[in-house]
Amino acid sequence: MHKEGDEIHVTDTEASGGSKEGVVRWVLLGGTLLVILLLSVTWITGALTQGDIEEEATVSGEIRSTEDDGDGTDSIIGTDADVGSTQTELGDTAGEGDQTTTENGIEVIEN
């Protein structure tokens, strides 16, 4: 800082009260990389130590557990075994004058 007449001249470093070395950027970058590394290690070790009970909570584990039980819901509705019971149920609810026909294996009721 120096004085020229009535004016006071101050450098950028003196005005900011610190140095401009760029250390803060390196600290932030290092901290961010360290956090990413620690979270990745936590996630990976948790996935590697997952047991059978935890595995059922995942989608792939749920699919495997339903395949093992044989309780699949991927069946075709309206197979020959179902048609007989469906005709009985529909026959009870159909009113007079209704005509029941079968088109392409599907029962159609005309009103």
C-alpha atoms as a PDB file:
ATOM      1  CA  MET A   1       0.000   0.000   0.000  1.00  0.00           C
ATOM      2  CA  HIS A   2       1.356   3.349  -0.935  1.00  0.00           C
ATOM      3  CA  LYS A   3       0.096   6.897  -0.955  1.00  0.00           C
ATOM      4  CA  GLU A   4       0.277   9.285  -3.891  1.00  0.00           C
ATOM      5  CA  GLY A   5      -0.859  12.688  -2.760  1.00  0.00           C
ATOM      6  CA  ASP A   6      -4.326  12.334  -1.221  1.00  0.00           C
ATOM      7  CA  GLU A   7      -4.931   8.935  -2.904  1.00  0.00           C
ATOM      8  CA  ILE A   8      -4.190   5.550  -1.319  1.00  0.00           C
ATOM      9  CA  HIS A   9      -3.270   2.745  -3.742  1.00  0.00           C
ATOM     10  CA  VAL A  10      -3.830  -0.866  -2.614  1.00  0.00           C
ATOM     11  CA  THR A  11      -2.909  -4.060  -4.505  1.00  0.00           C
ATOM     12  CA  ASP A  12      -5.433  -6.856  -5.160  1.00  0.00           C
ATOM     13  CA  THR A  13      -3.810  -9.176  -2.610  1.00  0.00           C
ATOM     14  CA  GLU A  14      -3.870  -6.502   0.106  1.00  0.00           C
ATOM     15  CA  ALA A  15      -7.505  -5.606  -0.655  1.00  0.00           C
ATOM     16  CA  SER A  16      -8.740  -9.202  -0.517  1.00  0.00           C
ATOM     17  CA  GLY A  17      -6.873  -9.935   2.687  1.00  0.00           C
ATOM     18  CA  GLY A  18      -5.505 -13.235   1.424  1.00  0.00           C
ATOM     19  CA  SER A  19      -3.573 -14.969  -1.273  1.00  0.00           C
ATOM     20  CA  LYS A  20      -4.866 -16.167  -4.630  1.00  0.00           C
ATOM     21  CA  GLU A  21      -3.230 -19.546  -4.910  1.00  0.00           C
ATOM     22  CA  GLY A  22      -6.354 -21.580  -5.867  1.00  0.00           C
ATOM     23  CA  VAL A  23      -6.060 -23.956  -2.907  1.00  0.00           C
ATOM     24  CA  VAL A  24      -9.812 -23.986  -2.260  1.00  0.00           C
ATOM     25  CA  ARG A  25     -10.499 -25.545  -5.664  1.00  0.00           C
ATOM     26  CA  TRP A  26      -8.091 -28.397  -4.956  1.00  0.00           C
ATOM     27  CA  VAL A  27      -9.589 -29.007  -1.518  1.00  0.00           C
ATOM     28  CA  LEU A  28     -13.127 -29.139  -2.975  1.00  0.00           C
ATOM     29  CA  LEU A  29     -12.038 -31.429  -5.811  1.00  0.00           C
ATOM     30  CA  GLY A  30     -10.182 -33.761  -3.444  1.00  0.00           C
ATOM     31  CA  GLY A  31     -13.113 -33.873  -1.014  1.00  0.00           C
ATOM     32  CA  THR A  32     -15.591 -34.650  -3.789  1.00  0.00           C
ATOM     33  CA  LEU A  33     -13.447 -37.476  -5.130  1.00  0.00           C
ATOM     34  CA  LEU A  34     -12.981 -38.854  -1.609  1.00  0.00           C
ATOM     35  CA  VAL A  35     -16.748 -38.850  -0.972  1.00  0.00           C
ATOM     36  CA  ILE A  36     -17.413 -40.621  -4.296  1.00  0.00           C
ATOM     37  CA  LEU A  37     -14.803 -43.241  -3.441  1.00  0.00           C
ATOM     38  CA  LEU A  38     -16.146 -43.870   0.076  1.00  0.00           C
ATOM     39  CA  LEU A  39     -19.773 -44.120  -1.070  1.00  0.00           C
ATOM     40  CA  SER A  40     -18.788 -46.507  -3.862  1.00  0.00           C
ATOM     41  CA  VAL A  41     -16.902 -48.742  -1.424  1.00  0.00           C
ATOM     42  CA  THR A  42     -19.897 -48.744   0.933  1.00  0.00           C
ATOM     43  CA  TRP A  43     -22.319 -49.630  -1.867  1.00  0.00           C
ATOM     44  CA  ILE A  44     -20.099 -52.344  -3.364  1.00  0.00           C
ATOM     45  CA  THR A  45     -19.331 -54.059  -0.046  1.00  0.00           C
ATOM     46  CA  GLY A  46     -23.016 -53.981   0.872  1.00  0.00           C
ATOM     47  CA  ALA A  47     -23.946 -55.611  -2.428  1.00  0.00           C
ATOM     48  CA  LEU A  48     -21.271 -58.291  -2.050  1.00  0.00           C
ATOM     49  CA  THR A  49     -22.358 -59.231   1.479  1.00  0.00           C
ATOM     50  CA  GLN A  50     -26.050 -59.461   0.597  1.00  0.00           C
ATOM     51  CA  GLY A  51     -27.689 -62.627   1.944  1.00  0.00           C
ATOM     52  CA  ASP A  52     -30.641 -64.707   0.795  1.00  0.00           C
ATOM     53  CA  ILE A  53     -33.207 -62.713   2.770  1.00  0.00           C
ATOM     54  CA  GLU A  54     -32.049 -59.369   1.394  1.00  0.00           C
ATOM     55  CA  GLU A  55     -31.931 -60.824  -2.121  1.00  0.00           C
ATOM     56  CA  GLU A  56     -35.682 -61.440  -2.060  1.00  0.00           C
ATOM     57  CA  ALA A  57     -36.217 -57.694  -1.664  1.00  0.00           C
ATOM     58  CA  THR A  58     -34.786 -57.044  -5.128  1.00  0.00           C
ATOM     59  CA  VAL A  59     -36.798 -57.382  -8.324  1.00  0.00           C
ATOM     60  CA  SER A  60     -34.663 -60.214  -9.661  1.00  0.00           C
ATOM     61  CA  GLY A  61     -34.891 -62.013  -6.313  1.00  0.00           C
ATOM     62  CA  GLU A  62     -38.668 -61.627  -6.315  1.00  0.00           C
ATOM     63  CA  ILE A  63     -38.879 -63.120  -9.808  1.00  0.00           C
ATOM     64  CA  ARG A  64     -36.705 -66.060  -8.763  1.00  0.00           C
ATOM     65  CA  SER A  65     -38.770 -66.698  -5.627  1.00  0.00           C
ATOM     66  CA  THR A  66     -42.059 -66.748  -7.566  1.00  0.00           C
ATOM     67  CA  GLU A  67     -40.583 -69.074 -10.185  1.00  0.00           C
ATOM     68  CA  ASP A  68     -39.472 -71.479  -7.467  1.00  0.00           C
ATOM     69  CA  ASP A  69     -42.906 -71.535  -5.822  1.00  0.00           C
ATOM     70  CA  GLY A  70     -44.777 -72.239  -9.054  1.00  0.00           C
ATOM     71  CA  ASP A  71     -47.262 -69.475  -8.253  1.00  0.00           C
ATOM     72  CA  GLY A  72     -46.822 -67.764 -11.586  1.00  0.00           C
ATOM     73  CA  THR A  73     -49.541 -65.467 -12.847  1.00  0.00           C
ATOM     74  CA  ASP A  74     -48.590 -65.803 -16.503  1.00  0.00           C
ATOM     75  CA  SER A  75     -51.512 -67.986 -17.500  1.00  0.00           C
ATOM     76  CA  ILE A  76     -53.893 -67.613 -20.399  1.00  0.00           C
ATOM     77  CA  ILE A  77     -57.435 -66.747 -19.416  1.00  0.00           C
ATOM     78  CA  GLY A  78     -60.147 -68.567 -21.297  1.00  0.00           C
ATOM     79  CA  THR A  79     -58.522 -71.963 -21.744  1.00  0.00           C
ATOM     80  CA  ASP A  80     -60.706 -75.042 -22.249  1.00  0.00           C
ATOM     81  CA  ALA A  81     -60.738 -75.749 -18.508  1.00  0.00           C
ATOM     82  CA  ASP A  82     -62.054 -72.244 -17.813  1.00  0.00           C
ATOM     83  CA  VAL A  83     -64.646 -72.178 -20.605  1.00  0.00           C
ATOM     84  CA  GLY A  84     -66.974 -74.697 -18.943  1.00  0.00           C
ATOM     85  CA  SER A  85     -67.122 -72.771 -15.689  1.00  0.00           C
ATOM     86  CA  THR A  86     -67.443 -69.473 -17.555  1.00  0.00           C
ATOM     87  CA  GLN A  87     -70.383 -70.730 -19.583  1.00  0.00           C
ATOM     88  CA  THR A  88     -72.165 -71.834 -16.425  1.00  0.00           C
ATOM     89  CA  GLU A  89     -71.574 -68.494 -14.764  1.00  0.00           C
ATOM     90  CA  LEU A  90     -72.656 -66.551 -17.857  1.00  0.00           C
ATOM     91  CA  GLY A  91     -75.687 -68.786 -18.354  1.00  0.00           C
ATOM     92  CA  ASP A  92     -76.898 -67.835 -14.871  1.00  0.00           C
ATOM     93  CA  THR A  93     -76.574 -64.099 -15.504  1.00  0.00           C
ATOM     94  CA  ALA A  94     -77.745 -64.009 -19.123  1.00  0.00           C
ATOM     95  CA  GLY A  95     -81.275 -62.768 -19.664  1.00  0.00           C
ATOM     96  CA  GLU A  96     -83.895 -64.242 -21.948  1.00  0.00           C
ATOM     97  CA  GLY A  97     -83.347 -63.683 -25.644  1.00  0.00           C
ATOM     98  CA  ASP A  98     -79.561 -63.501 -25.323  1.00  0.00           C
ATOM     99  CA  GLN A  99     -77.656 -65.553 -27.846  1.00  0.00           C
ATOM    100  CA  THR A 100     -74.282 -67.051 -26.946  1.00  0.00           C
ATOM    101  CA  THR A 101     -71.834 -67.815 -29.746  1.00  0.00           C
ATOM    102  CA  THR A 102     -68.157 -68.671 -29.843  1.00  0.00           C
ATOM    103  CA  GLU A 103     -65.834 -66.707 -32.164  1.00  0.00           C
ATOM    104  CA  ASN A 104     -62.145 -67.617 -32.324  1.00  0.00           C
ATOM    105  CA  GLY A 105     -62.424 -69.499 -29.045  1.00  0.00           C
ATOM    106  CA  ILE A 106     -63.978 -66.518 -27.244  1.00  0.00           C
ATOM    107  CA  GLU A 107     -67.554 -66.635 -25.982  1.00  0.00           C
ATOM    108  CA  VAL A 108     -69.662 -63.761 -27.278  1.00  0.00           C
ATOM    109  CA  ILE A 109     -73.118 -62.913 -25.874  1.00  0.00           C
ATOM    110  CA  GLU A 110     -75.438 -60.977 -28.160  1.00  0.00           C
ATOM    111  CA  ASN A 111     -78.102 -58.901 -26.418  1.00  0.00           C
END
